[in-house]
Amino acid sequence: MARSQRLLSAAMLLNSMFLVVARILKRKKYLIPAVVVAAVVFVVSYVLTVWNISGKSITIYASMSGWPFTLFSLFLSLVISVLIGVYLALVLVRRQLIKDKELKNKLSSAGGTVIGLFAAGCPTCGAPLFALFGAPLALFSLPFGGLELKVLSIALLWLSIYLLVENIQKQLVCGVKAK
């Protein structure tokens, strides 16, 4: 019984979060920057994926890495791009609502962005970033070729979006009570 209550509570929390995000993205003021940023991030991710490939061709990349890996990698890049766009829209809303910054929001979004950069593209593309920390070619040693970093990036971006939505909801409730 307790497990079903926890699942119901989690489902209600997710529903509430999606409703807040949907209401925010209905306004062009927030939707346009979110879409533009998501598109730019995805294009950069795609370019990084095929940068070192002969002819800069995704088909050559897929023949080297396999179509399932390539499609899943592109899908994860798309999800990361959309989450970054949504995060930007939420930051714009929050910035209008309050002035102070919370450290946990900054850390989770920065972590998601940095991990997303490391996981962008193929292991060869991430090598220069890992070289900055003395670990070139570290992505090659991962069991899923860096896809696990993209999943971690998605989790951190999701967390940052959750924290922002929670903060925006609190600010809206406090603003209503103050009036």
Foldseek 3Di string as FASTA:
>chain_A
DVVVVVVVVVVVLVVLLVVLLVVLCVDPVLVVQLVVQLVVQLVVLLCLQQVPPVVSDLVSSCVVVNPVLSVLLSVLSSLLSNLVSSLVSLVVLVVVLDPDDDPLLVVLLVQLVVLCCLLRHFLQSNQVVVVVVPDGSPLVPDPSRSVVSSVSSSVSSVVSSSVSSVVSVVSVVVVVVVD
